[in-house]
Amino acid sequence: MTEDEIYRTSTQYRLWSFTPESLASLRATTNAAASDGVRTAFQNSKSSANSGEDGEIDCLNVVEEQKIVSYYCLDTLNLVDFCEYPTNVKATAVQFLKRFYLTNSPMTYHPKEIYPTAVYLAMKSENEFHSVRSFAEKLPNVTTEDILAPEFLLTQGLRFTFDVRHPFHGLEGGFMELLAFTNGKGTGGLSVQKSAKEPLDDMLAINPAPDTGVRATTAKEMVARCQSSHGKVKELLKTSAILTDAYFLYTPSQIWLSALFLVDEPLARFYLGTKIPATSDMRPKLFTTLRQCAELLKSSPAEPDKEAKKELKRILKKLAQCRNPQKLDLVGINKAQKRDPNTNGGEGLDEKVAKKRKLERETSMKESEDLFGPALVQGKG
């Protein structure tokens, strides 16, 4: 099997790969369903008076939801950096969060309650396990229950798939090949066979590096250029690639090659030239895809500026008024589900359930009396 065929068998490709149109459609569907759920929940809880005289709830739109999710993705990066966990945990945690909010809305489950659990689940998925207690101790005002309560909910949202294919391995392999060319050990791909010396000569003939404008004239200078590009590409993969929709729209190899296009396009063109013949019909299509992915990487959400923070504050205030009232206490819902498996996400925590549990307690007390007999009564005299 080729690498492409192997990737197409992965859950990332089968369940979490989209076209831009299908991705936008899924988010719109999720937003509409969540908005209907919020309005129904408010009506059922008779809390619609909070939304105005007409009782209509002002729900978030898709754009507002994405701004909130993006903000908490940044928070996830900061949390992982604060805890000093490795890059793969950081990247997986953000992807877990982004995947979860494809079919769930911040109006239903607030990201501030989900993203610590996403980090904890990412640690386990990436074999970087720390106890939940030690993790909770690093976070202010967060208990182990706060982390564990949404865990099953999160795994459901992830469709019980925890495999995240990152572009980091492709990056390392690609730059090992580039360095091999500088040492006269690379001979190109299966379709572009060259002598050991030819690739180095071709490398030294490429255009200067965009950031310095200086052409490498020796193997040593080309090694330095490759190492410099490697560091910059890796930084893009640790930030822009995981914060944008790149993982949903492109393959891991397309992502790291697009990052290389942004950092050093001549070097990227040389590398692809060792894999794909200049006469191949695939080249124009591939370059178009890589340019589109590169444009997406450039649009990565940075730390919010003053105006962005003001807008985010407005959206969070709006969210506080349109959260599903039946999903506010995830810890309480989790405890209720453990006591009563038939409880549906906390929606059954109503008067009917309360009466049922009261009856169960009374029955249990009666059975205990039947077992040990009636209470002893002290005789007179």
Protein backbone atom coordinates (compact mmCIF):
# COMPACT_ATOMS: atom_id res chain seq x y z
CA MET A 1 0.00 0.00 0.00
CA THR A 2 1.14 3.54 -0.73
CA GLU A 3 1.22 6.22 1.96
CA ASP A 4 -1.84 7.79 0.32
CA GLU A 5 -3.77 4.53 0.49
CA ILE A 6 -2.81 4.08 4.15
CA TYR A 7 -3.97 7.59 5.01
CA ARG A 8 -7.31 7.00 3.29
CA THR A 9 -8.01 4.14 5.70
CA SER A 10 -7.54 6.39 8.74
CA THR A 11 -10.46 7.79 10.75
CA GLN A 12 -9.04 11.27 10.19
CA TYR A 13 -9.65 10.94 6.46
CA ARG A 14 -12.92 8.98 6.68
CA LEU A 15 -14.62 10.98 9.46
CA TRP A 16 -12.83 14.31 9.79
CA SER A 17 -11.96 15.40 6.26
CA PHE A 18 -14.23 17.86 4.47
CA THR A 19 -14.55 20.23 1.58
CA PRO A 20 -14.93 23.91 2.53
CA GLU A 21 -18.60 23.72 1.54
CA SER A 22 -19.40 20.59 3.55
CA LEU A 23 -17.55 21.98 6.58
CA ALA A 24 -19.55 25.21 6.46
CA SER A 25 -22.78 23.26 5.99
CA LEU A 26 -22.07 21.04 9.01
CA ARG A 27 -21.38 24.05 11.23
CA ALA A 28 -24.56 25.76 10.06
CA THR A 29 -26.57 22.62 10.80
CA THR A 30 -25.03 22.34 14.27
CA ASN A 31 -25.78 25.99 15.01
CA ALA A 32 -29.40 25.67 13.88
CA ALA A 33 -29.99 22.52 15.93
CA ALA A 34 -28.38 24.06 19.03
CA SER A 35 -30.43 27.25 18.66
CA ASP A 36 -33.64 25.20 18.48
CA GLY A 37 -32.53 23.23 21.51
CA VAL A 38 -31.82 26.38 23.50
CA ARG A 39 -35.20 27.91 22.70
CA THR A 40 -36.99 24.68 23.61
CA ALA A 41 -35.04 24.38 26.86
CA PHE A 42 -35.87 27.96 27.84
CA GLN A 43 -39.53 27.39 27.12
CA ASN A 44 -39.53 24.20 29.17
CA SER A 45 -37.79 25.87 32.08
CA LYS A 46 -40.01 28.96 31.79
CA SER A 47 -36.93 31.18 31.65
CA SER A 48 -37.63 32.93 28.37
CA ALA A 49 -38.26 36.19 30.22
CA ASN A 50 -34.50 36.70 30.28
CA SER A 51 -34.44 37.27 26.55
CA GLY A 52 -36.79 40.21 26.21
CA GLU A 53 -40.45 41.07 26.11
CA ASP A 54 -41.30 38.79 23.24
CA GLY A 55 -39.54 35.85 24.85
CA GLU A 56 -37.31 35.27 21.81
CA ILE A 57 -33.80 34.01 22.59
CA ASP A 58 -30.99 35.82 20.79
CA CYS A 59 -28.76 32.87 19.92
CA LEU A 60 -25.22 32.92 18.59
CA ASN A 61 -24.67 32.69 14.86
CA VAL A 62 -22.04 30.48 13.20
CA VAL A 63 -19.42 33.24 13.00
CA GLU A 64 -19.81 34.09 16.68
CA GLU A 65 -19.51 30.44 17.63
CA GLN A 66 -16.30 30.11 15.64
CA LYS A 67 -14.79 33.16 17.33
CA ILE A 68 -15.47 31.63 20.74
CA VAL A 69 -14.03 28.26 19.74
CA SER A 70 -10.94 29.94 18.26
CA TYR A 71 -10.41 31.89 21.47
CA TYR A 72 -10.52 28.73 23.57
CA CYS A 73 -8.20 26.97 21.13
CA LEU A 74 -5.68 29.69 21.95
CA ASP A 75 -6.40 29.11 25.63
CA THR A 76 -5.68 25.43 25.06
CA LEU A 77 -2.27 26.26 23.59
CA ASN A 78 -1.48 28.47 26.55
CA LEU A 79 -2.60 25.81 29.02
CA VAL A 80 -0.41 23.11 27.45
CA ASP A 81 2.56 25.49 27.39
CA PHE A 82 1.93 26.38 31.03
CA CYS A 83 1.88 22.69 31.98
CA GLU A 84 5.00 22.09 29.84
CA TYR A 85 3.47 19.20 27.91
CA PRO A 86 4.93 18.28 24.48
CA THR A 87 3.84 19.63 21.12
CA ASN A 88 1.91 16.53 20.08
CA VAL A 89 -0.33 16.88 23.15
CA LYS A 90 -0.94 20.52 22.29
CA ALA A 91 -1.84 19.77 18.67
CA THR A 92 -4.07 16.81 19.56
CA ALA A 93 -5.91 18.72 22.29
CA VAL A 94 -6.77 21.56 19.92
CA GLN A 95 -7.97 19.13 17.26
CA PHE A 96 -10.13 17.34 19.83
CA LEU A 97 -11.71 20.67 20.75
CA LYS A 98 -12.27 21.67 17.12
CA ARG A 99 -13.71 18.27 16.24
CA PHE A 100 -16.07 18.33 19.22
CA TYR A 101 -17.50 21.71 18.19
CA LEU A 102 -18.28 20.54 14.67
CA THR A 103 -21.34 18.76 16.05
CA ASN A 104 -21.76 20.58 19.36
CA SER A 105 -22.34 24.25 20.06
CA PRO A 106 -20.84 26.54 22.72
CA MET A 107 -24.47 27.35 23.53
CA THR A 108 -24.91 23.74 24.64
CA TYR A 109 -21.50 23.09 26.21
CA HIS A 110 -19.28 26.03 27.13
CA PRO A 111 -15.70 25.58 25.85
CA LYS A 112 -14.23 26.67 29.20
CA GLU A 113 -15.66 23.45 30.66
CA ILE A 114 -14.50 21.26 27.76
CA TYR A 115 -10.97 22.36 26.88
CA PRO A 116 -9.24 21.14 30.10
CA THR A 117 -10.80 17.73 29.45
CA ALA A 118 -9.57 17.88 25.84
CA VAL A 119 -6.03 18.39 27.13
CA TYR A 120 -6.39 15.52 29.60
CA LEU A 121 -7.75 13.19 26.90
CA ALA A 122 -4.98 14.28 24.52
CA MET A 123 -2.37 13.36 27.13
CA LYS A 124 -3.75 9.84 27.32
CA SER A 125 -4.07 9.56 23.53
CA GLU A 126 -0.46 10.64 23.03
CA ASN A 127 0.93 8.37 25.78
CA GLU A 128 1.91 11.37 27.89
CA PHE A 129 -0.12 10.32 30.87
CA HIS A 130 -0.28 12.32 34.08
CA SER A 131 -2.80 11.60 36.80
CA VAL A 132 -5.94 13.68 36.69
CA ARG A 133 -5.17 14.86 40.21
CA SER A 134 -1.73 16.20 39.27
CA PHE A 135 -3.23 17.88 36.19
CA ALA A 136 -6.06 19.48 38.18
CA GLU A 137 -3.58 20.83 40.72
CA LYS A 138 -1.96 22.90 37.97
CA LEU A 139 -5.26 24.65 37.17
CA PRO A 140 -6.84 27.33 39.35
CA ASN A 141 -10.39 26.67 40.55
CA VAL A 142 -10.58 23.33 38.70
CA THR A 143 -11.28 20.03 40.42
CA THR A 144 -10.80 16.47 39.21
CA GLU A 145 -14.58 16.23 38.86
CA ASP A 146 -14.58 19.26 36.55
CA ILE A 147 -12.11 17.45 34.27
CA LEU A 148 -13.68 14.00 34.37
CA ALA A 149 -17.35 15.00 34.14
CA PRO A 150 -17.28 15.93 30.39
CA GLU A 151 -14.87 13.14 29.39
CA PHE A 152 -17.47 10.69 28.08
CA LEU A 153 -19.36 13.53 26.45
CA LEU A 154 -16.18 14.58 24.67
CA THR A 155 -15.42 11.05 23.49
CA GLN A 156 -18.94 10.84 22.09
CA GLY A 157 -18.39 14.10 20.22
CA LEU A 158 -15.15 12.66 18.84
CA ARG A 159 -17.11 9.60 17.68
CA PHE A 160 -14.74 7.51 19.83
CA THR A 161 -11.86 8.18 17.43
CA PHE A 162 -8.66 9.45 19.01
CA ASP A 163 -6.18 9.11 16.16
CA VAL A 164 -4.91 12.50 14.98
CA ARG A 165 -2.44 12.49 12.08
CA HIS A 166 -0.11 15.45 12.45
CA PRO A 167 2.24 16.92 9.83
CA PHE A 168 5.27 16.82 12.16
CA HIS A 169 6.50 13.39 11.06
CA GLY A 170 6.29 14.38 7.41
CA LEU A 171 8.23 17.55 8.18
CA GLU A 172 11.07 15.66 9.84
CA GLY A 173 11.23 13.07 7.06
CA GLY A 174 11.22 15.72 4.35
CA PHE A 175 14.04 17.70 5.88
CA MET A 176 16.08 14.55 6.44
CA GLU A 177 15.85 14.02 2.68
CA LEU A 178 16.87 17.61 1.99
CA LEU A 179 19.88 17.26 4.27
CA ALA A 180 20.75 13.99 2.55
CA PHE A 181 20.86 15.88 -0.77
CA THR A 182 23.33 18.35 0.71
CA ASN A 183 25.55 15.42 1.69
CA GLY A 184 25.39 13.92 -1.78
CA LYS A 185 23.39 10.93 -0.56
CA GLY A 186 19.96 11.65 -2.02
CA THR A 187 18.96 10.46 -5.48
CA GLY A 188 15.36 11.70 -5.77
CA GLY A 189 12.08 9.81 -5.73
CA LEU A 190 11.18 6.67 -7.63
CA SER A 191 9.94 8.71 -10.60
CA VAL A 192 12.89 11.15 -10.66
CA GLN A 193 16.12 9.16 -10.56
CA LYS A 194 19.32 11.20 -10.51
CA SER A 195 22.94 10.68 -9.57
CA ALA A 196 24.03 11.54 -6.04
CA LYS A 197 25.72 14.79 -7.14
CA GLU A 198 22.93 16.16 -9.34
CA PRO A 199 20.45 17.05 -6.54
CA LEU A 200 23.08 19.10 -4.69
CA ASP A 201 23.93 20.99 -7.88
CA ASP A 202 20.22 21.64 -8.43
CA MET A 203 19.81 22.82 -4.83
CA LEU A 204 22.63 25.33 -5.14
CA ALA A 205 21.02 26.67 -8.33
CA ILE A 206 17.66 27.55 -6.77
CA ASN A 207 16.65 31.12 -6.04
CA PRO A 208 17.87 32.80 -2.83
CA ALA A 209 16.00 32.36 0.44
CA PRO A 210 13.13 34.89 0.60
CA ASP A 211 14.00 36.16 4.08
CA THR A 212 17.71 36.83 3.45
CA GLY A 213 17.92 37.26 -0.30
CA VAL A 214 21.21 35.35 -0.20
CA ARG A 215 21.91 32.35 -2.41
CA ALA A 216 23.62 29.34 -0.84
CA THR A 217 26.78 28.55 -2.77
CA THR A 218 28.16 25.64 -0.73
CA ALA A 219 26.73 22.52 0.86
CA LYS A 220 27.37 24.00 4.29
CA GLU A 221 25.40 27.14 3.47
CA MET A 222 22.56 25.03 2.08
CA VAL A 223 22.47 22.99 5.31
CA ALA A 224 22.14 26.24 7.26
CA ARG A 225 19.32 27.35 4.95
CA CYS A 226 17.48 24.04 5.41
CA GLN A 227 17.88 24.18 9.19
CA SER A 228 16.59 27.75 9.31
CA SER A 229 13.58 26.84 7.18
CA HIS A 230 12.93 23.76 9.30
CA GLY A 231 12.61 25.85 12.47
CA LYS A 232 10.23 28.33 10.86
CA VAL A 233 8.07 25.63 9.30
CA LYS A 234 7.83 23.78 12.61
CA GLU A 235 6.68 26.96 14.33
CA LEU A 236 3.93 27.38 11.74
CA LEU A 237 2.82 23.79 12.30
CA LYS A 238 2.70 24.34 16.06
CA THR A 239 0.45 27.39 15.72
CA SER A 240 -1.21 28.26 12.41
CA ALA A 241 -1.75 24.69 11.24
CA ILE A 242 -3.56 23.55 14.39
CA LEU A 243 -5.54 26.77 14.91
CA THR A 244 -7.02 26.97 11.42
CA ASP A 245 -9.22 24.43 9.61
CA ALA A 246 -6.18 22.96 7.83
CA TYR A 247 -6.58 19.52 9.45
CA PHE A 248 -10.17 19.33 8.18
CA LEU A 249 -9.36 20.39 4.64
CA TYR A 250 -5.88 19.06 3.82
CA THR A 251 -3.70 16.02 4.41
CA PRO A 252 -0.72 16.16 6.82
CA SER A 253 1.78 16.14 3.94
CA GLN A 254 -0.04 18.99 2.18
CA ILE A 255 0.02 20.99 5.41
CA TRP A 256 3.76 20.80 6.02
CA LEU A 257 4.59 21.37 2.36
CA SER A 258 2.34 24.44 2.35
CA ALA A 259 4.16 25.74 5.41
CA LEU A 260 7.44 25.24 3.56
CA PHE A 261 5.98 27.16 0.62
CA LEU A 262 5.31 30.08 2.96
CA VAL A 263 8.79 29.97 4.47
CA ASP A 264 10.96 29.12 1.45
CA GLU A 265 9.10 28.55 -1.83
CA PRO A 266 12.21 27.86 -3.94
CA LEU A 267 13.26 25.10 -1.53
CA ALA A 268 9.74 23.66 -1.56
CA ARG A 269 9.68 23.63 -5.37
CA PHE A 270 13.06 21.91 -5.45
CA TYR A 271 11.90 19.23 -2.99
CA LEU A 272 8.72 18.52 -4.96
CA GLY A 273 10.81 18.41 -8.13
CA THR A 274 12.67 15.42 -6.69
CA LYS A 275 9.36 13.61 -6.28
CA ILE A 276 7.24 14.60 -9.26
CA PRO A 277 8.56 15.00 -12.84
CA ALA A 278 8.20 18.46 -14.37
CA THR A 279 6.01 16.97 -17.12
CA SER A 280 3.51 15.41 -14.71
CA ASP A 281 -0.10 16.62 -14.87
CA MET A 282 -0.17 16.37 -11.09
CA ARG A 283 2.19 19.30 -10.54
CA PRO A 284 -0.18 22.22 -11.39
CA LYS A 285 -2.97 20.68 -9.29
CA LEU A 286 -0.65 20.08 -6.34
CA PHE A 287 0.80 23.60 -6.45
CA THR A 288 -2.73 25.07 -6.55
CA THR A 289 -3.69 23.02 -3.48
CA LEU A 290 -0.54 24.00 -1.62
CA ARG A 291 -1.08 27.69 -2.35
CA GLN A 292 -4.64 27.48 -1.06
CA CYS A 293 -3.47 25.76 2.11
CA ALA A 294 -0.68 28.32 2.51
CA GLU A 295 -3.24 31.14 2.33
CA LEU A 296 -5.24 29.41 5.05
CA LEU A 297 -2.15 29.13 7.26
CA LYS A 298 -1.56 32.87 6.84
CA SER A 299 -5.07 33.55 8.14
CA SER A 300 -4.34 31.92 11.50
CA PRO A 301 -6.11 33.68 14.41
CA ALA A 302 -3.51 35.55 16.41
CA GLU A 303 -3.80 36.73 19.99
CA PRO A 304 -6.83 39.06 19.97
CA ASP A 305 -6.09 42.77 19.79
CA LYS A 306 -8.10 45.47 21.57
CA GLU A 307 -10.94 45.46 19.05
CA ALA A 308 -11.06 41.68 18.91
CA LYS A 309 -11.18 41.47 22.70
CA LYS A 310 -14.05 43.94 22.75
CA GLU A 311 -15.94 41.87 20.19
CA LEU A 312 -15.17 38.67 22.08
CA LYS A 313 -16.44 40.20 25.31
CA ARG A 314 -19.70 41.07 23.57
CA ILE A 315 -20.09 37.53 22.24
CA LEU A 316 -19.34 35.94 25.61
CA LYS A 317 -21.91 38.22 27.23
CA LYS A 318 -24.42 37.15 24.59
CA LEU A 319 -23.50 33.50 25.20
CA ALA A 320 -24.24 33.90 28.91
CA GLN A 321 -27.84 34.76 27.96
CA CYS A 322 -28.37 31.94 25.48
CA ARG A 323 -26.75 28.92 27.10
CA ASN A 324 -28.89 25.83 27.29
CA PRO A 325 -30.17 25.87 30.89
CA GLN A 326 -30.34 22.07 30.96
CA LYS A 327 -26.59 21.73 30.29
CA LEU A 328 -25.14 24.25 32.72
CA ASP A 329 -23.91 21.84 35.42
CA LEU A 330 -21.87 19.12 33.73
CA VAL A 331 -20.62 17.77 37.05
CA GLY A 332 -24.17 17.48 38.35
CA ILE A 333 -25.34 15.88 35.10
CA ASN A 334 -22.49 13.38 35.26
CA LYS A 335 -23.36 12.43 38.85
CA ALA A 336 -27.03 12.08 37.93
CA GLN A 337 -26.19 9.78 35.02
CA LYS A 338 -24.15 7.58 37.33
CA ARG A 339 -27.09 7.35 39.73
CA ASP A 340 -29.65 6.93 36.96
CA PRO A 341 -28.30 5.65 33.61
CA ASN A 342 -31.62 6.54 31.96
CA THR A 343 -31.07 10.23 32.62
CA ASN A 344 -30.57 11.87 29.23
CA GLY A 345 -27.82 14.46 29.64
CA GLY A 346 -29.51 15.98 32.63
CA GLU A 347 -32.76 16.62 30.82
CA GLY A 348 -34.48 14.12 33.06
CA LEU A 349 -33.64 16.01 36.22
CA ASP A 350 -37.19 17.24 36.62
CA GLU A 351 -40.00 16.76 39.10
CA LYS A 352 -40.85 13.34 37.72
CA VAL A 353 -37.32 12.03 38.29
CA ALA A 354 -37.19 13.59 41.75
CA LYS A 355 -40.41 11.81 42.71
CA LYS A 356 -39.05 8.56 41.32
CA ARG A 357 -35.92 8.81 43.41
CA LYS A 358 -37.89 9.73 46.52
CA LEU A 359 -40.05 6.65 46.01
CA GLU A 360 -36.93 4.51 45.56
CA ARG A 361 -35.47 5.81 48.84
CA GLU A 362 -38.74 5.16 50.69
CA THR A 363 -38.94 1.65 49.24
CA SER A 364 -35.36 0.97 50.25
CA MET A 365 -36.04 2.13 53.82
CA LYS A 366 -39.15 -0.06 53.99
CA GLU A 367 -37.21 -3.09 52.77
CA SER A 368 -34.57 -2.52 55.44
CA GLU A 369 -37.29 -2.43 58.08
CA ASP A 370 -38.74 -5.67 56.75
CA LEU A 371 -35.32 -7.28 56.93
CA PHE A 372 -34.53 -6.34 60.53
CA GLY A 373 -38.09 -6.17 61.81
CA PRO A 374 -39.99 -3.17 63.22
CA ALA A 375 -38.38 -0.66 65.56
CA LEU A 376 -38.07 -1.84 69.15
CA VAL A 377 -40.54 -0.25 71.58
CA GLN A 378 -39.50 0.03 75.19
CA GLY A 379 -42.09 -1.62 77.45
CA LYS A 380 -43.76 0.23 80.35
CA GLY A 381 -42.70 -0.38 83.92
